[in-house]
Amino acid sequence: MKDAIATSRTDTSGVHLWLVLWKAFRAVEGHAHRHIASLDMCLSDFGVLETLLHKGPLTVKELGAKVMLTSGSMTAALDRLGQRGLIEREEGTGDRRVRVVQLTEAGKALIRVAFEDHKQAMEIAVGDVAKRDREALIDSLRQLGLSAAERLQESVKKPHRKGVAVGNGGKKRREGVRNV
């Protein structure tokens, strides 16, 4: 592991940063997936329950945005969780089309225990990283995420590089050529 750390300091290019970040994410994500699967849940169901635990009742639209699920995937997740008696959907006030999702008592009990267990599993996954290094990493990743999101928004408004516009959902297209 020390050799990998030593050599990573020689290349600070954006592409190398992206590759290191991607590999680190995949490794930590593997721990998360394995642990969540051991709870007899999929990642989307866990995300919905965890979000409702920490944010309280939300509309289906708000919840979908927070857990980054499409409306179809959101509906499937809510159906699964509803069948298990872990969430309930009620009409929102003022607009019958709006549905508010909240945890049932059984859902609260399950996700409280599951989330505490998950926190321990994730501590094991990142256990070799010292607290001060985690703080610096969190600050740096937050800065990277905000900066990259801002630059992404800017790139939608103007060509990313000469002759290539990026603004079609991230797909490249040649200027003057319509995507079909």
N, C-alpha and C. Protein backbone atom coordinates (compact mmCIF):
# COMPACT_ATOMS: atom_id res chain seq x y z
N MET A 1 0.82 -1.18 0.00
CA MET A 1 0.00 0.00 0.00
C MET A 1 0.87 1.25 0.00
N LYS A 2 1.99 1.24 0.68
CA LYS A 2 2.87 2.41 0.72
C LYS A 2 3.42 2.75 -0.65
N ASP A 3 3.74 1.72 -1.47
CA ASP A 3 4.22 1.97 -2.83
C ASP A 3 3.18 2.70 -3.65
N ALA A 4 1.92 2.29 -3.50
CA ALA A 4 0.84 2.94 -4.25
C ALA A 4 0.71 4.40 -3.82
N ILE A 5 0.84 4.68 -2.54
CA ILE A 5 0.74 6.05 -2.05
C ILE A 5 1.91 6.88 -2.58
N ALA A 6 3.11 6.34 -2.55
CA ALA A 6 4.29 7.08 -3.00
C ALA A 6 4.21 7.42 -4.48
N THR A 7 3.80 6.49 -5.32
CA THR A 7 3.76 6.75 -6.76
C THR A 7 2.59 7.64 -7.14
N SER A 8 1.53 7.65 -6.37
CA SER A 8 0.39 8.48 -6.73
C SER A 8 0.72 9.96 -6.61
N ARG A 9 1.72 10.32 -5.85
CA ARG A 9 2.09 11.73 -5.68
C ARG A 9 2.81 12.29 -6.89
N THR A 10 3.26 11.45 -7.80
CA THR A 10 3.99 11.95 -8.96
C THR A 10 3.06 12.42 -10.07
N ASP A 11 1.85 11.95 -10.12
CA ASP A 11 0.92 12.33 -11.20
C ASP A 11 -0.28 13.04 -10.58
N THR A 12 -0.38 14.34 -10.80
CA THR A 12 -1.50 15.11 -10.26
C THR A 12 -2.48 15.54 -11.34
N SER A 13 -2.42 14.87 -12.47
CA SER A 13 -3.32 15.24 -13.57
C SER A 13 -4.77 14.95 -13.21
N GLY A 14 -5.66 15.65 -13.89
CA GLY A 14 -7.08 15.45 -13.67
C GLY A 14 -7.52 14.03 -13.94
N VAL A 15 -6.98 13.42 -15.00
CA VAL A 15 -7.38 12.06 -15.34
C VAL A 15 -6.89 11.07 -14.28
N HIS A 16 -5.70 11.31 -13.73
CA HIS A 16 -5.21 10.40 -12.69
C HIS A 16 -6.03 10.56 -11.40
N LEU A 17 -6.37 11.80 -11.08
CA LEU A 17 -7.23 12.04 -9.92
C LEU A 17 -8.56 11.32 -10.09
N TRP A 18 -9.15 11.42 -11.29
CA TRP A 18 -10.41 10.76 -11.57
C TRP A 18 -10.28 9.24 -11.41
N LEU A 19 -9.21 8.65 -11.93
CA LEU A 19 -9.03 7.20 -11.83
C LEU A 19 -8.85 6.75 -10.37
N VAL A 20 -8.05 7.49 -9.60
CA VAL A 20 -7.85 7.14 -8.20
C VAL A 20 -9.16 7.27 -7.42
N LEU A 21 -9.89 8.34 -7.68
CA LEU A 21 -11.18 8.55 -7.02
C LEU A 21 -12.15 7.44 -7.38
N TRP A 22 -12.19 7.08 -8.65
CA TRP A 22 -13.09 6.03 -9.12
C TRP A 22 -12.77 4.69 -8.46
N LYS A 23 -11.49 4.34 -8.42
CA LYS A 23 -11.09 3.06 -7.81
C LYS A 23 -11.39 3.05 -6.32
N ALA A 24 -11.11 4.17 -5.64
CA ALA A 24 -11.40 4.25 -4.20
C ALA A 24 -12.90 4.13 -3.96
N PHE A 25 -13.69 4.84 -4.76
CA PHE A 25 -15.14 4.77 -4.62
C PHE A 25 -15.65 3.35 -4.80
N ARG A 26 -15.16 2.68 -5.84
CA ARG A 26 -15.62 1.31 -6.11
C ARG A 26 -15.27 0.37 -4.96
N ALA A 27 -14.09 0.55 -4.37
CA ALA A 27 -13.69 -0.32 -3.26
C ALA A 27 -14.58 -0.08 -2.04
N VAL A 28 -14.83 1.18 -1.69
CA VAL A 28 -15.67 1.49 -0.53
C VAL A 28 -17.12 1.11 -0.83
N GLU A 29 -17.56 1.36 -2.06
CA GLU A 29 -18.91 1.00 -2.47
C GLU A 29 -19.13 -0.51 -2.34
N GLY A 30 -18.11 -1.30 -2.65
CA GLY A 30 -18.22 -2.76 -2.51
C GLY A 30 -18.53 -3.16 -1.08
N HIS A 31 -17.89 -2.50 -0.12
CA HIS A 31 -18.20 -2.76 1.30
C HIS A 31 -19.66 -2.40 1.60
N ALA A 32 -20.09 -1.24 1.10
CA ALA A 32 -21.46 -0.79 1.36
C ALA A 32 -22.48 -1.77 0.77
N HIS A 33 -22.27 -2.17 -0.49
CA HIS A 33 -23.20 -3.10 -1.14
C HIS A 33 -23.26 -4.43 -0.40
N ARG A 34 -22.09 -4.94 -0.03
CA ARG A 34 -22.07 -6.23 0.66
C ARG A 34 -22.80 -6.15 2.00
N HIS A 35 -22.56 -5.08 2.74
CA HIS A 35 -23.23 -4.95 4.03
C HIS A 35 -24.73 -4.77 3.87
N ILE A 36 -25.14 -3.92 2.95
CA ILE A 36 -26.57 -3.68 2.75
C ILE A 36 -27.27 -4.96 2.28
N ALA A 37 -26.63 -5.73 1.43
CA ALA A 37 -27.20 -7.01 0.99
C ALA A 37 -27.36 -7.96 2.17
N SER A 38 -26.45 -7.90 3.14
CA SER A 38 -26.56 -8.77 4.32
C SER A 38 -27.77 -8.40 5.18
N LEU A 39 -28.31 -7.20 4.97
CA LEU A 39 -29.50 -6.75 5.69
C LEU A 39 -30.78 -7.16 4.96
N ASP A 40 -30.63 -7.93 3.87
CA ASP A 40 -31.75 -8.35 3.03
C ASP A 40 -32.44 -7.16 2.38
N MET A 41 -31.61 -6.22 1.92
CA MET A 41 -32.10 -5.02 1.23
C MET A 41 -31.23 -4.75 0.03
N CYS A 42 -31.77 -3.99 -0.90
CA CYS A 42 -30.95 -3.47 -1.99
C CYS A 42 -30.58 -2.03 -1.64
N LEU A 43 -29.63 -1.49 -2.36
CA LEU A 43 -29.12 -0.15 -2.07
C LEU A 43 -30.22 0.91 -2.13
N SER A 44 -31.10 0.83 -3.11
CA SER A 44 -32.15 1.85 -3.23
C SER A 44 -33.11 1.79 -2.05
N ASP A 45 -33.48 0.59 -1.60
CA ASP A 45 -34.38 0.47 -0.45
C ASP A 45 -33.72 1.01 0.82
N PHE A 46 -32.45 0.68 1.01
CA PHE A 46 -31.70 1.20 2.16
C PHE A 46 -31.64 2.73 2.09
N GLY A 47 -31.35 3.26 0.90
CA GLY A 47 -31.26 4.72 0.74
C GLY A 47 -32.56 5.42 1.07
N VAL A 48 -33.68 4.85 0.64
CA VAL A 48 -34.99 5.43 0.94
C VAL A 48 -35.22 5.43 2.45
N LEU A 49 -35.01 4.29 3.09
CA LEU A 49 -35.24 4.20 4.54
C LEU A 49 -34.32 5.13 5.31
N GLU A 50 -33.05 5.15 4.93
CA GLU A 50 -32.07 6.01 5.63
C GLU A 50 -32.44 7.48 5.46
N THR A 51 -32.84 7.88 4.28
CA THR A 51 -33.22 9.28 4.03
C THR A 51 -34.44 9.66 4.86
N LEU A 52 -35.44 8.80 4.90
CA LEU A 52 -36.63 9.08 5.70
C LEU A 52 -36.30 9.13 7.19
N LEU A 53 -35.37 8.30 7.63
CA LEU A 53 -34.95 8.32 9.04
C LEU A 53 -34.35 9.67 9.40
N HIS A 54 -33.47 10.18 8.52
CA HIS A 54 -32.74 11.41 8.85
C HIS A 54 -33.43 12.69 8.40
N LYS A 55 -34.33 12.63 7.42
CA LYS A 55 -34.99 13.84 6.90
C LYS A 55 -36.46 13.93 7.27
N GLY A 56 -37.05 12.82 7.72
CA GLY A 56 -38.48 12.82 8.03
C GLY A 56 -39.31 12.63 6.78
N PRO A 57 -40.64 12.75 6.91
CA PRO A 57 -41.53 12.54 5.77
C PRO A 57 -41.19 13.47 4.60
N LEU A 58 -41.22 12.92 3.39
CA LEU A 58 -40.92 13.68 2.17
C LEU A 58 -41.90 13.30 1.08
N THR A 59 -42.08 14.20 0.12
CA THR A 59 -42.89 13.82 -1.04
C THR A 59 -42.09 12.80 -1.85
N VAL A 60 -42.78 12.08 -2.70
CA VAL A 60 -42.12 11.09 -3.55
C VAL A 60 -41.06 11.78 -4.41
N LYS A 61 -41.39 12.95 -4.93
CA LYS A 61 -40.45 13.68 -5.79
C LYS A 61 -39.21 14.10 -5.01
N GLU A 62 -39.38 14.65 -3.81
CA GLU A 62 -38.24 15.07 -2.98
C GLU A 62 -37.37 13.87 -2.62
N LEU A 63 -38.02 12.79 -2.25
CA LEU A 63 -37.30 11.58 -1.86
C LEU A 63 -36.51 11.02 -3.04
N GLY A 64 -37.12 10.97 -4.21
CA GLY A 64 -36.43 10.48 -5.41
C GLY A 64 -35.19 11.30 -5.73
N ALA A 65 -35.29 12.62 -5.57
CA ALA A 65 -34.13 13.49 -5.84
C ALA A 65 -33.01 13.24 -4.83
N LYS A 66 -33.36 13.02 -3.58
CA LYS A 66 -32.34 12.81 -2.55
C LYS A 66 -31.62 11.47 -2.71
N VAL A 67 -32.33 10.43 -3.13
CA VAL A 67 -31.71 9.11 -3.29
C VAL A 67 -31.31 8.83 -4.74
N MET A 68 -31.50 9.83 -5.60
CA MET A 68 -31.10 9.77 -7.00
C MET A 68 -31.71 8.58 -7.74
N LEU A 69 -33.03 8.43 -7.61
CA LEU A 69 -33.75 7.39 -8.31
C LEU A 69 -34.72 8.02 -9.31
N THR A 70 -34.90 7.37 -10.45
CA THR A 70 -35.90 7.81 -11.41
C THR A 70 -37.29 7.55 -10.82
N SER A 71 -38.30 8.14 -11.42
CA SER A 71 -39.65 7.95 -10.88
C SER A 71 -40.07 6.48 -10.93
N GLY A 72 -39.68 5.76 -11.99
CA GLY A 72 -40.02 4.34 -12.08
C GLY A 72 -39.33 3.51 -11.00
N SER A 73 -38.04 3.77 -10.79
CA SER A 73 -37.29 3.05 -9.75
C SER A 73 -37.81 3.41 -8.37
N MET A 74 -38.20 4.68 -8.21
CA MET A 74 -38.74 5.13 -6.93
C MET A 74 -40.04 4.40 -6.61
N THR A 75 -40.90 4.29 -7.61
CA THR A 75 -42.17 3.59 -7.42
C THR A 75 -41.93 2.14 -7.03
N ALA A 76 -41.01 1.47 -7.71
CA ALA A 76 -40.71 0.07 -7.39
C ALA A 76 -40.18 -0.07 -5.98
N ALA A 77 -39.27 0.82 -5.58
CA ALA A 77 -38.71 0.77 -4.22
C ALA A 77 -39.80 0.99 -3.18
N LEU A 78 -40.66 1.98 -3.42
CA LEU A 78 -41.73 2.27 -2.45
C LEU A 78 -42.73 1.12 -2.39
N ASP A 79 -43.00 0.48 -3.52
CA ASP A 79 -43.89 -0.69 -3.51
C ASP A 79 -43.29 -1.81 -2.66
N ARG A 80 -41.99 -2.08 -2.86
CA ARG A 80 -41.33 -3.14 -2.07
C ARG A 80 -41.38 -2.83 -0.58
N LEU A 81 -41.03 -1.60 -0.23
CA LEU A 81 -40.99 -1.21 1.18
C LEU A 81 -42.39 -1.16 1.78
N GLY A 82 -43.37 -0.75 0.99
CA GLY A 82 -44.75 -0.74 1.45
C GLY A 82 -45.28 -2.14 1.71
N GLN A 83 -44.94 -3.08 0.82
CA GLN A 83 -45.36 -4.47 1.00
C GLN A 83 -44.76 -5.07 2.26
N ARG A 84 -43.59 -4.62 2.63
CA ARG A 84 -42.93 -5.10 3.86
C ARG A 84 -43.42 -4.36 5.11
N GLY A 85 -44.29 -3.37 4.92
CA GLY A 85 -44.83 -2.62 6.04
C GLY A 85 -43.83 -1.64 6.65
N LEU A 86 -42.85 -1.19 5.85
CA LEU A 86 -41.80 -0.31 6.38
C LEU A 86 -42.06 1.17 6.12
N ILE A 87 -42.87 1.46 5.10
CA ILE A 87 -43.23 2.86 4.79
C ILE A 87 -44.71 2.92 4.51
N GLU A 88 -45.24 4.14 4.55
CA GLU A 88 -46.61 4.37 4.12
C GLU A 88 -46.64 5.64 3.29
N ARG A 89 -47.54 5.65 2.31
CA ARG A 89 -47.73 6.80 1.44
C ARG A 89 -49.10 7.39 1.72
N GLU A 90 -49.11 8.70 1.89
CA GLU A 90 -50.38 9.38 2.14
C GLU A 90 -50.51 10.56 1.19
N GLU A 91 -51.76 11.00 0.98
CA GLU A 91 -51.98 12.18 0.14
C GLU A 91 -51.38 13.40 0.81
N GLY A 92 -50.76 14.25 -0.01
CA GLY A 92 -50.24 15.51 0.51
C GLY A 92 -51.38 16.48 0.74
N THR A 93 -51.14 17.48 1.55
CA THR A 93 -52.17 18.48 1.81
C THR A 93 -52.26 19.44 0.64
N GLY A 94 -53.47 19.69 0.18
CA GLY A 94 -53.70 20.66 -0.87
C GLY A 94 -53.65 20.12 -2.29
N ASP A 95 -52.92 19.06 -2.54
CA ASP A 95 -52.81 18.53 -3.90
C ASP A 95 -52.88 17.02 -3.83
N ARG A 96 -53.96 16.46 -4.35
CA ARG A 96 -54.16 15.00 -4.26
C ARG A 96 -53.14 14.22 -5.06
N ARG A 97 -52.47 14.88 -6.03
CA ARG A 97 -51.46 14.18 -6.83
C ARG A 97 -50.16 13.95 -6.07
N VAL A 98 -49.94 14.75 -5.04
CA VAL A 98 -48.70 14.67 -4.26
C VAL A 98 -48.86 13.60 -3.19
N ARG A 99 -47.87 12.70 -3.13
CA ARG A 99 -47.88 11.66 -2.11
C ARG A 99 -46.71 11.90 -1.17
N VAL A 100 -46.97 11.82 0.12
CA VAL A 100 -45.94 11.99 1.14
C VAL A 100 -45.60 10.60 1.68
N VAL A 101 -44.30 10.33 1.77
CA VAL A 101 -43.82 9.03 2.23
C VAL A 101 -43.24 9.20 3.63
N GLN A 102 -43.57 8.27 4.49
CA GLN A 102 -43.01 8.28 5.84
C GLN A 102 -42.79 6.86 6.32
N LEU A 103 -41.90 6.75 7.29
CA LEU A 103 -41.61 5.44 7.88
C LEU A 103 -42.74 5.01 8.79
N THR A 104 -43.02 3.73 8.80
CA THR A 104 -43.92 3.17 9.82
C THR A 104 -43.07 2.91 11.07
N GLU A 105 -43.70 2.54 12.14
CA GLU A 105 -42.93 2.21 13.36
C GLU A 105 -41.98 1.05 13.09
N ALA A 106 -42.46 0.05 12.32
CA ALA A 106 -41.60 -1.09 11.97
C ALA A 106 -40.42 -0.62 11.12
N GLY A 107 -40.69 0.31 10.20
CA GLY A 107 -39.63 0.85 9.36
C GLY A 107 -38.60 1.61 10.17
N LYS A 108 -39.06 2.42 11.12
CA LYS A 108 -38.14 3.17 12.00
C LYS A 108 -37.26 2.22 12.80
N ALA A 109 -37.88 1.21 13.36
CA ALA A 109 -37.13 0.25 14.18
C ALA A 109 -36.06 -0.47 13.35
N LEU A 110 -36.45 -0.90 12.14
CA LEU A 110 -35.52 -1.62 11.27
C LEU A 110 -34.35 -0.73 10.84
N ILE A 111 -34.63 0.47 10.34
CA ILE A 111 -33.56 1.30 9.78
C ILE A 111 -32.67 1.87 10.88
N ARG A 112 -33.18 2.10 12.06
CA ARG A 112 -32.31 2.57 13.16
C ARG A 112 -31.23 1.54 13.45
N VAL A 113 -31.62 0.29 13.59
CA VAL A 113 -30.66 -0.77 13.86
C VAL A 113 -29.76 -0.99 12.65
N ALA A 114 -30.36 -1.04 11.46
CA ALA A 114 -29.59 -1.29 10.24
C ALA A 114 -28.58 -0.17 9.99
N PHE A 115 -28.98 1.07 10.24
CA PHE A 115 -28.07 2.19 9.99
C PHE A 115 -26.89 2.17 10.97
N GLU A 116 -27.15 1.89 12.21
CA GLU A 116 -26.05 1.81 13.19
C GLU A 116 -25.08 0.69 12.81
N ASP A 117 -25.63 -0.42 12.37
CA ASP A 117 -24.80 -1.55 11.91
C ASP A 117 -24.01 -1.15 10.67
N HIS A 118 -24.66 -0.40 9.78
CA HIS A 118 -23.99 0.04 8.56
C HIS A 118 -22.85 1.02 8.87
N LYS A 119 -23.07 1.90 9.83
CA LYS A 119 -22.00 2.83 10.23
C LYS A 119 -20.76 2.06 10.68
N GLN A 120 -20.97 0.99 11.43
CA GLN A 120 -19.83 0.17 11.89
C GLN A 120 -19.15 -0.51 10.70
N ALA A 121 -19.93 -1.03 9.78
CA ALA A 121 -19.35 -1.69 8.60
C ALA A 121 -18.52 -0.70 7.78
N MET A 122 -19.00 0.52 7.64
CA MET A 122 -18.26 1.51 6.87
C MET A 122 -17.01 1.98 7.62
N GLU A 123 -17.05 1.97 8.95
CA GLU A 123 -15.84 2.29 9.73
C GLU A 123 -14.76 1.25 9.46
N ILE A 124 -15.15 0.01 9.36
CA ILE A 124 -14.19 -1.05 9.04
C ILE A 124 -13.60 -0.81 7.64
N ALA A 125 -14.47 -0.41 6.69
CA ALA A 125 -14.02 -0.19 5.31
C ALA A 125 -12.97 0.91 5.22
N VAL A 126 -13.10 1.94 6.02
CA VAL A 126 -12.17 3.09 5.94
C VAL A 126 -11.27 3.17 7.16
N GLY A 127 -11.16 2.08 7.88
CA GLY A 127 -10.44 2.05 9.15
C GLY A 127 -8.97 2.42 9.09
N ASP A 128 -8.32 2.29 7.95
CA ASP A 128 -6.90 2.63 7.85
C ASP A 128 -6.65 4.12 7.62
N VAL A 129 -7.70 4.89 7.49
CA VAL A 129 -7.54 6.33 7.25
C VAL A 129 -7.73 7.07 8.57
N ALA A 130 -6.71 7.80 8.99
CA ALA A 130 -6.74 8.52 10.27
C ALA A 130 -7.80 9.61 10.24
N LYS A 131 -8.29 10.00 11.42
CA LYS A 131 -9.36 11.00 11.53
C LYS A 131 -8.97 12.31 10.85
N ARG A 132 -7.77 12.80 11.06
CA ARG A 132 -7.36 14.08 10.46
C ARG A 132 -7.28 13.95 8.93
N ASP A 133 -6.89 12.77 8.45
CA ASP A 133 -6.86 12.55 6.99
C ASP A 133 -8.28 12.47 6.44
N ARG A 134 -9.20 11.90 7.21
CA ARG A 134 -10.60 11.85 6.77
C ARG A 134 -11.17 13.27 6.66
N GLU A 135 -10.86 14.09 7.66
CA GLU A 135 -11.35 15.48 7.64
C GLU A 135 -10.84 16.20 6.40
N ALA A 136 -9.55 16.06 6.12
CA ALA A 136 -8.97 16.72 4.95
C ALA A 136 -9.56 16.15 3.66
N LEU A 137 -9.76 14.84 3.63
CA LEU A 137 -10.33 14.19 2.45
C LEU A 137 -11.76 14.66 2.21
N ILE A 138 -12.55 14.72 3.27
CA ILE A 138 -13.94 15.18 3.14
C ILE A 138 -13.98 16.61 2.62
N ASP A 139 -13.14 17.48 3.19
CA ASP A 139 -13.09 18.87 2.72
C ASP A 139 -12.67 18.94 1.26
N SER A 140 -11.65 18.19 0.88
CA SER A 140 -11.16 18.21 -0.50
C SER A 140 -12.20 17.65 -1.47
N LEU A 141 -12.86 16.57 -1.10
CA LEU A 141 -13.87 15.97 -1.97
C LEU A 141 -15.09 16.88 -2.11
N ARG A 142 -15.46 17.55 -1.03
CA ARG A 142 -16.57 18.50 -1.11
C ARG A 142 -16.21 19.63 -2.08
N GLN A 143 -14.99 20.17 -1.95
CA GLN A 143 -14.52 21.22 -2.85
C GLN A 143 -14.50 20.73 -4.30
N LEU A 144 -13.99 19.52 -4.50
CA LEU A 144 -13.95 18.93 -5.84
C LEU A 144 -15.35 18.79 -6.42
N GLY A 145 -16.27 18.27 -5.63
CA GLY A 145 -17.64 18.06 -6.10
C GLY A 145 -18.33 19.36 -6.48
N LEU A 146 -18.19 20.38 -5.64
CA LEU A 146 -18.82 21.66 -5.93
C LEU A 146 -18.21 22.31 -7.16
N SER A 147 -16.89 22.26 -7.26
CA SER A 147 -16.19 22.85 -8.39
C SER A 147 -16.54 22.12 -9.69
N ALA A 148 -16.53 20.81 -9.64
CA ALA A 148 -16.84 20.03 -10.85
C ALA A 148 -18.29 20.25 -11.28
N ALA A 149 -19.21 20.35 -10.33
CA ALA A 149 -20.61 20.60 -10.67
C ALA A 149 -20.78 21.96 -11.32
N GLU A 150 -20.06 22.95 -10.80
CA GLU A 150 -20.12 24.29 -11.38
C GLU A 150 -19.55 24.29 -12.80
N ARG A 151 -18.43 23.62 -12.98
CA ARG A 151 -17.82 23.56 -14.31
C ARG A 151 -18.70 22.78 -15.29
N LEU A 152 -19.40 21.78 -14.79
CA LEU A 152 -20.30 21.01 -15.64
C LEU A 152 -21.44 21.91 -16.14
N GLN A 153 -21.98 22.71 -15.25
CA GLN A 153 -23.04 23.64 -15.65
C GLN A 153 -22.52 24.64 -16.69
N GLU A 154 -21.30 25.12 -16.49
CA GLU A 154 -20.69 26.05 -17.46
C GLU A 154 -20.49 25.37 -18.81
N SER A 155 -20.09 24.10 -18.80
CA SER A 155 -19.81 23.40 -20.06
C SER A 155 -21.07 23.13 -20.87
N VAL A 156 -22.21 23.12 -20.22
CA VAL A 156 -23.47 22.93 -20.93
C VAL A 156 -23.77 24.18 -21.75
N LYS A 157 -23.31 25.33 -21.27
CA LYS A 157 -23.59 26.60 -21.93
C LYS A 157 -22.64 26.91 -23.07
N LYS A 158 -21.47 26.29 -23.09
CA LYS A 158 -20.49 26.60 -24.13
C LYS A 158 -19.76 25.32 -24.54
N PRO A 159 -19.13 25.33 -25.71
CA PRO A 159 -18.39 24.14 -26.14
C PRO A 159 -17.30 23.77 -25.14
N HIS A 160 -17.16 22.47 -24.92
CA HIS A 160 -16.15 21.96 -23.99
C HIS A 160 -14.74 22.07 -24.58
N ARG A 161 -14.63 21.73 -25.83
CA ARG A 161 -13.36 21.93 -26.54
C ARG A 161 -13.69 22.23 -27.99
N LYS A 162 -12.74 22.71 -28.70
CA LYS A 162 -12.98 23.19 -30.04
C LYS A 162 -13.71 22.15 -30.90
N GLY A 163 -14.87 22.56 -31.39
CA GLY A 163 -15.62 21.71 -32.30
C GLY A 163 -16.51 20.68 -31.63
N VAL A 164 -16.43 20.54 -30.31
CA VAL A 164 -17.23 19.54 -29.63
C VAL A 164 -18.04 20.23 -28.54
N ALA A 165 -19.34 20.11 -28.60
CA ALA A 165 -20.19 20.70 -27.57
C ALA A 165 -20.63 19.60 -26.63
N VAL A 166 -20.66 19.92 -25.34
CA VAL A 166 -21.17 18.99 -24.34
C VAL A 166 -22.38 19.66 -23.73
N GLY A 167 -23.52 19.10 -23.92
CA GLY A 167 -24.73 19.70 -23.38
C GLY A 167 -25.94 18.87 -23.72
N ASN A 168 -25.69 17.67 -24.16
CA ASN A 168 -26.76 16.76 -24.53
C ASN A 168 -26.76 15.61 -23.54
N GLY A 169 -26.97 15.93 -22.27
CA GLY A 169 -26.93 14.90 -21.24
C GLY A 169 -25.53 14.35 -21.07
N GLY A 170 -24.51 15.15 -21.38
CA GLY A 170 -23.14 14.70 -21.24
C GLY A 170 -22.60 14.02 -22.49
N LYS A 171 -23.47 13.81 -23.50
CA LYS A 171 -23.03 13.16 -24.74
C LYS A 171 -22.37 14.20 -25.64
N LYS A 172 -21.28 13.81 -26.26
CA LYS A 172 -20.61 14.71 -27.18
C LYS A 172 -21.39 14.76 -28.48
N ARG A 173 -21.40 15.94 -29.08
CA ARG A 173 -21.96 16.06 -30.42
C ARG A 173 -21.16 17.11 -31.17
N ARG A 174 -20.99 16.87 -32.43
CA ARG A 174 -20.27 17.83 -33.28
C ARG A 174 -21.18 19.03 -33.53
N GLU A 175 -20.60 20.22 -33.47
CA GLU A 175 -21.37 21.41 -33.75
C GLU A 175 -21.89 21.33 -35.17
N GLY A 176 -23.14 21.74 -35.37
CA GLY A 176 -23.73 21.72 -36.70
C GLY A 176 -24.31 20.37 -37.07
N VAL A 177 -24.17 19.36 -36.22
CA VAL A 177 -24.71 18.03 -36.51
C VAL A 177 -25.78 17.73 -35.46
N ARG A 178 -26.97 17.41 -35.93
CA ARG A 178 -28.05 17.10 -35.01
C ARG A 178 -27.94 15.69 -34.49
N ASN A 179 -28.21 15.52 -33.20
CA ASN A 179 -28.33 14.18 -32.63
C ASN A 179 -29.75 13.71 -32.87
N VAL A 180 -29.91 12.48 -33.27
CA VAL A 180 -31.23 11.94 -33.55
C VAL A 180 -31.62 10.99 -32.45
